[in-house]
Amino acid sequence: MPGRPDESEWRGTNRAVWDERVPAHAASSEYDLDDIVAGRDRLRPWEPAELGPIDGLDLVHLQCHIGTDTVALARRGATVTGVDFSAPALAVAADLADRCGLEIEWICSDVYEAGAAVGGRTFDVVYTGIGALCWLPDLEPWARVVAGLLRPGGRLYLTEVHPMADALAEDGHCIGEDAIGTEFTLYDVQGSYAAPDAMFTNTTSWNRLHPVSDVLSAVIDAGLRIELFHEFDVTPAPTPWLERDDDRLYRFREGMWRFPLTYSLRARLPGPGA
């Protein structure tokens, strides 16, 4: 693809961005780690029922960042492994798990190399959450990694920001970027979603807005069978043109046209099992 950097360049650039943002995220009210320790559940309201029972299952959380969703999954009784390419993020995640009294395995690895990083183990559930896929240049190899991590009968579950919300991110009315036929693009943005006023040294990162059709096709082509796909008009992602409710989700203001802000997907690797 024209203009795409080599793998070491985009990984290094994106890792530097995430490494630098870890302290600001860990201290932010958006993540509120003390509240997590006190028992707050970071999963979105629709996730527990869609994900299904996980008590006693082996689960791997890809691109887990500082572990807030990972903790929520472990509290539901799963044996959980968190994978992320940022060592500083995993240090915060490990401390959070300790404070919550949970045993979670943390592995530092790029998501494309997760299969080797976990030593070839397989899992009942692969989970990935909000804001993960946009950091990946291609979904086909990601979906193959997911399939390789699953036991027969195991399931993938993901919740993601809808590409419509990303394309309209400036004001909720006008399209500000392509939402189909996209490329891996270098962006220069100060601050972050969890610490908008923070000033960082590393401000450039490689992102790609993946159409939902690309997600579905990658999952199907990797041999998984889609069981569930839903779209929602709420989002946990801080969005200035939406209103935040007491449940920490952002919703449309009265009088706005509504469109999907997030979506969820569950798919299963054929075979007996979880």
Protein backbone atom coordinates (compact mmCIF):
# COMPACT_ATOMS: atom_id res chain seq x y z
CA MET A 1 0.00 0.00 0.00
CA PRO A 2 1.52 3.38 -1.04
CA GLY A 3 2.95 5.39 1.80
CA ARG A 4 2.70 2.62 4.39
CA PRO A 5 5.67 2.45 6.77
CA ASP A 6 7.52 -0.76 7.45
CA GLU A 7 6.44 -2.81 10.42
CA SER A 8 9.17 -1.69 12.80
CA GLU A 9 8.45 1.98 12.06
CA TRP A 10 4.69 1.97 12.69
CA ARG A 11 4.96 -0.32 15.69
CA GLY A 12 7.68 1.83 17.23
CA THR A 13 5.76 5.04 16.58
CA ASN A 14 2.52 3.70 18.04
CA ARG A 15 4.23 2.06 21.01
CA ALA A 16 5.93 5.35 21.92
CA VAL A 17 2.53 7.08 21.89
CA TRP A 18 0.94 4.48 24.17
CA ASP A 19 3.93 4.22 26.51
CA GLU A 20 3.94 7.97 27.09
CA ARG A 21 0.21 8.17 27.75
CA VAL A 22 0.14 5.48 30.42
CA PRO A 23 0.80 7.73 33.46
CA ALA A 24 -1.83 10.25 32.33
CA HIS A 25 -4.38 7.51 31.72
CA ALA A 26 -3.66 5.81 35.04
CA ALA A 27 -4.23 9.12 36.84
CA SER A 28 -7.30 10.14 34.83
CA SER A 29 -10.90 10.36 35.96
CA GLU A 30 -11.84 8.56 32.74
CA TYR A 31 -10.24 5.34 33.98
CA ASP A 32 -10.58 6.10 37.73
CA LEU A 33 -8.54 3.15 38.93
CA ASP A 34 -9.51 3.67 42.57
CA ASP A 35 -13.13 3.21 41.53
CA ILE A 36 -12.19 0.00 39.71
CA VAL A 37 -10.55 -1.29 42.89
CA ALA A 38 -13.72 -0.37 44.80
CA GLY A 39 -15.73 -2.60 42.45
CA ARG A 40 -16.80 -0.57 39.41
CA ASP A 41 -17.35 -2.70 36.31
CA ARG A 42 -15.84 -1.29 33.12
CA LEU A 43 -17.72 -3.58 30.73
CA ARG A 44 -20.45 -1.94 28.67
CA PRO A 45 -24.07 -2.81 29.69
CA TRP A 46 -24.68 -5.13 26.73
CA GLU A 47 -21.42 -7.07 27.02
CA PRO A 48 -22.04 -9.61 29.83
CA ALA A 49 -25.11 -11.15 28.18
CA GLU A 50 -23.58 -11.13 24.69
CA LEU A 51 -20.25 -12.49 25.88
CA GLY A 52 -22.01 -15.26 27.78
CA PRO A 53 -20.87 -17.11 30.92
CA ILE A 54 -17.10 -17.19 31.32
CA ASP A 55 -16.75 -18.58 34.84
CA GLY A 56 -14.08 -21.29 34.76
CA LEU A 57 -13.05 -20.56 31.16
CA ASP A 58 -9.64 -19.58 29.82
CA LEU A 59 -9.80 -16.10 28.28
CA VAL A 60 -7.21 -13.92 26.56
CA HIS A 61 -7.74 -10.16 26.30
CA LEU A 62 -5.88 -8.70 23.33
CA GLN A 63 -4.66 -5.06 23.42
CA CYS A 64 -5.64 -4.80 27.06
CA HIS A 65 -3.90 -1.44 27.82
CA ILE A 66 -3.93 -0.77 31.60
CA GLY A 67 -6.22 -3.70 32.36
CA THR A 68 -9.52 -2.18 33.46
CA ASP A 69 -11.66 -4.39 31.20
CA THR A 70 -9.34 -7.31 31.95
CA VAL A 71 -10.10 -6.96 35.66
CA ALA A 72 -13.84 -6.97 34.93
CA LEU A 73 -13.46 -10.22 33.02
CA ALA A 74 -11.39 -11.85 35.76
CA ARG A 75 -14.00 -10.86 38.33
CA ARG A 76 -16.49 -12.96 36.37
CA GLY A 77 -14.50 -16.09 37.16
CA ALA A 78 -12.42 -16.55 34.02
CA THR A 79 -8.74 -17.45 34.08
CA VAL A 80 -7.50 -14.37 32.24
CA THR A 81 -4.37 -13.49 30.26
CA GLY A 82 -3.88 -9.86 29.20
CA VAL A 83 -1.76 -9.06 26.14
CA ASP A 84 -0.49 -5.62 25.18
CA PHE A 85 2.60 -4.23 23.44
CA SER A 86 3.21 -1.50 26.04
CA ALA A 87 5.33 -2.60 29.01
CA PRO A 88 4.42 0.52 31.06
CA ALA A 89 0.72 -0.20 30.49
CA LEU A 90 1.12 -3.77 31.70
CA ALA A 91 2.97 -2.57 34.81
CA VAL A 92 -0.08 -0.45 35.71
CA ALA A 93 -2.38 -3.35 34.83
CA ALA A 94 -0.46 -5.74 37.08
CA ASP A 95 -0.62 -3.29 39.98
CA LEU A 96 -4.35 -2.82 39.42
CA ALA A 97 -4.93 -6.58 39.48
CA ASP A 98 -2.92 -6.88 42.69
CA ARG A 99 -4.99 -4.12 44.30
CA CYS A 100 -8.14 -5.97 43.24
CA GLY A 101 -6.88 -9.27 44.65
CA LEU A 102 -6.89 -10.97 41.25
CA GLU A 103 -4.41 -13.32 39.60
CA ILE A 104 -4.03 -12.31 35.96
CA GLU A 105 -1.19 -13.22 33.63
CA TRP A 106 0.26 -10.29 31.68
CA ILE A 107 2.22 -10.77 28.46
CA CYS A 108 3.98 -7.99 26.57
CA SER A 109 3.53 -8.60 22.85
CA ASP A 110 2.26 -7.03 19.68
CA VAL A 111 -1.15 -8.47 18.86
CA TYR A 112 0.05 -9.95 15.57
CA GLU A 113 2.58 -12.03 17.53
CA ALA A 114 0.22 -13.01 20.36
CA GLY A 115 0.05 -16.69 19.37
CA ALA A 116 3.78 -17.17 19.80
CA ALA A 117 3.86 -14.92 22.87
CA VAL A 118 1.42 -17.16 24.77
CA GLY A 119 3.48 -20.20 23.83
CA GLY A 120 0.97 -21.68 21.41
CA ARG A 121 -1.72 -22.04 24.07
CA THR A 122 -5.36 -21.89 23.09
CA PHE A 123 -8.32 -20.34 24.90
CA ASP A 124 -12.07 -20.65 25.25
CA VAL A 125 -12.57 -16.91 24.68
CA VAL A 126 -10.69 -14.17 22.85
CA TYR A 127 -11.84 -10.71 23.93
CA THR A 128 -10.99 -7.33 22.46
CA GLY A 129 -12.50 -4.02 23.49
CA ILE A 130 -13.16 -0.42 22.54
CA GLY A 131 -10.52 1.40 20.50
CA ALA A 132 -8.28 -1.56 19.61
CA LEU A 133 -8.70 -2.32 15.91
CA CYS A 134 -7.93 1.16 14.56
CA TRP A 135 -4.25 0.69 15.54
CA LEU A 136 -3.85 -2.27 13.18
CA PRO A 137 -2.99 -1.83 9.49
CA ASP A 138 -4.68 -5.07 8.39
CA LEU A 139 -7.42 -7.21 9.88
CA GLU A 140 -6.82 -10.43 7.96
CA PRO A 141 -3.68 -11.40 9.92
CA TRP A 142 -5.35 -10.23 13.15
CA ALA A 143 -8.31 -12.55 12.52
CA ARG A 144 -5.94 -15.45 11.78
CA VAL A 145 -4.22 -14.81 15.12
CA VAL A 146 -7.62 -14.84 16.84
CA ALA A 147 -8.56 -18.13 15.17
CA GLY A 148 -5.22 -19.63 16.19
CA LEU A 149 -5.78 -18.63 19.81
CA LEU A 150 -9.18 -20.34 20.01
CA ARG A 151 -9.95 -23.92 20.94
CA PRO A 152 -12.57 -25.69 18.81
CA GLY A 153 -15.90 -24.28 19.91
CA GLY A 154 -14.22 -21.21 21.40
CA ARG A 155 -15.55 -17.72 20.77
CA LEU A 156 -14.31 -14.28 19.83
CA TYR A 157 -16.11 -11.33 21.38
CA LEU A 158 -15.42 -7.71 20.54
CA THR A 159 -16.99 -4.33 21.15
CA GLU A 160 -15.70 -1.46 19.05
CA VAL A 161 -16.24 2.16 18.10
CA HIS A 162 -18.37 2.27 14.96
CA PRO A 163 -16.63 3.75 11.89
CA MET A 164 -19.55 6.17 11.50
CA ALA A 165 -18.67 7.70 14.86
CA ASP A 166 -15.00 7.97 13.88
CA ALA A 167 -15.76 9.55 10.50
CA LEU A 168 -18.02 12.16 12.15
CA ALA A 169 -15.79 12.68 15.17
CA GLU A 170 -15.36 16.45 14.78
CA ASP A 171 -18.97 17.56 15.30
CA GLY A 172 -21.34 14.64 14.79
CA HIS A 173 -22.77 16.20 11.64
CA CYS A 174 -20.11 16.45 8.93
CA ILE A 175 -17.98 13.60 7.62
CA GLY A 176 -14.35 14.47 8.28
CA GLU A 177 -12.56 11.45 6.80
CA ASP A 178 -13.07 8.41 4.60
CA ALA A 179 -15.17 5.66 6.14
CA ILE A 180 -14.56 3.10 3.37
CA GLY A 181 -11.55 2.24 1.22
CA THR A 182 -9.28 3.58 3.93
CA GLU A 183 -5.51 3.37 4.31
CA PHE A 184 -3.14 3.19 7.26
CA THR A 185 -2.56 6.90 7.87
CA LEU A 186 -0.23 9.00 10.02
CA TYR A 187 -2.09 11.37 12.35
CA ASP A 188 -0.69 14.13 14.56
CA VAL A 189 -2.90 14.73 17.61
CA GLN A 190 -2.07 16.31 20.97
CA GLY A 191 -3.74 15.06 24.16
CA SER A 192 -5.72 11.82 24.38
CA TYR A 193 -9.27 10.64 24.91
CA ALA A 194 -8.63 10.08 28.63
CA ALA A 195 -6.39 13.14 29.18
CA PRO A 196 -7.42 15.75 26.58
CA ASP A 197 -5.47 18.59 28.20
CA ALA A 198 -2.21 16.67 28.66
CA MET A 199 0.81 17.67 26.59
CA PHE A 200 2.85 14.85 25.11
CA THR A 201 6.11 14.59 23.22
CA ASN A 202 4.96 11.72 21.01
CA THR A 203 1.93 13.02 19.13
CA THR A 204 2.05 11.14 15.80
CA SER A 205 0.54 7.69 15.37
CA TRP A 206 -0.54 5.34 12.61
CA ASN A 207 -4.27 4.55 12.48
CA ARG A 208 -6.77 3.03 10.09
CA LEU A 209 -10.54 3.34 10.16
CA HIS A 210 -11.77 -0.18 9.38
CA PRO A 211 -15.24 -0.46 7.81
CA VAL A 212 -17.48 -2.97 9.55
CA SER A 213 -17.54 -5.04 6.37
CA ASP A 214 -13.76 -5.50 6.64
CA VAL A 215 -14.11 -6.75 10.21
CA LEU A 216 -16.85 -9.21 9.25
CA SER A 217 -14.99 -10.45 6.18
CA ALA A 218 -11.73 -10.96 8.08
CA VAL A 219 -13.48 -12.97 10.80
CA ILE A 220 -15.37 -15.13 8.29
CA ASP A 221 -12.28 -15.71 6.13
CA ALA A 222 -10.36 -16.88 9.24
CA GLY A 223 -12.89 -19.70 9.62
CA LEU A 224 -15.08 -18.29 12.39
CA ARG A 225 -18.87 -18.34 12.28
CA ILE A 226 -20.57 -15.10 13.24
CA GLU A 227 -23.26 -15.62 15.87
CA LEU A 228 -24.12 -12.04 16.81
CA PHE A 229 -23.70 -8.53 15.45
CA HIS A 230 -25.31 -5.48 17.08
CA GLU A 231 -25.06 -1.70 16.71
CA PHE A 232 -25.65 0.79 19.53
CA ASP A 233 -26.40 4.51 19.77
CA VAL A 234 -24.22 4.97 22.87
CA THR A 235 -20.46 4.94 23.34
CA PRO A 236 -17.99 4.90 26.22
CA ALA A 237 -15.55 6.96 24.14
CA PRO A 238 -15.37 10.61 25.31
CA THR A 239 -17.11 12.60 22.58
CA PRO A 240 -17.65 16.38 22.90
CA TRP A 241 -20.83 16.51 20.80
CA LEU A 242 -22.57 13.87 22.91
CA GLU A 243 -23.90 14.04 26.47
CA ARG A 244 -22.41 11.88 29.19
CA ASP A 245 -24.88 10.16 31.54
CA ASP A 246 -24.35 8.86 35.06
CA ASP A 247 -23.52 5.42 33.64
CA ARG A 248 -20.44 6.99 31.94
CA LEU A 249 -21.87 6.35 28.46
CA TYR A 250 -22.22 9.15 25.92
CA ARG A 251 -25.59 9.64 24.21
CA PHE A 252 -27.07 11.87 21.52
CA ARG A 253 -28.43 15.23 22.56
CA GLU A 254 -32.13 15.86 21.99
CA GLY A 255 -32.85 16.74 18.38
CA MET A 256 -29.75 15.11 16.90
CA TRP A 257 -30.00 12.52 14.16
CA ARG A 258 -28.90 9.19 15.56
CA PHE A 259 -26.53 6.71 13.96
CA PRO A 260 -24.43 3.79 15.25
CA LEU A 261 -21.71 4.78 17.70
CA THR A 262 -20.50 1.32 18.72
CA TYR A 263 -20.98 -2.25 17.59
CA SER A 264 -20.45 -5.71 19.00
CA LEU A 265 -19.64 -9.04 17.42
CA ARG A 266 -19.44 -12.62 18.62
CA ALA A 267 -18.05 -15.38 16.44
CA ARG A 268 -17.18 -19.01 17.10
CA LEU A 269 -14.53 -21.40 15.86
CA PRO A 270 -16.43 -24.52 14.70
CA GLY A 271 -16.16 -27.56 16.92
CA PRO A 272 -17.30 -28.77 20.34
CA GLY A 273 -16.38 -26.76 23.39
CA ALA A 274 -17.10 -23.49 25.14
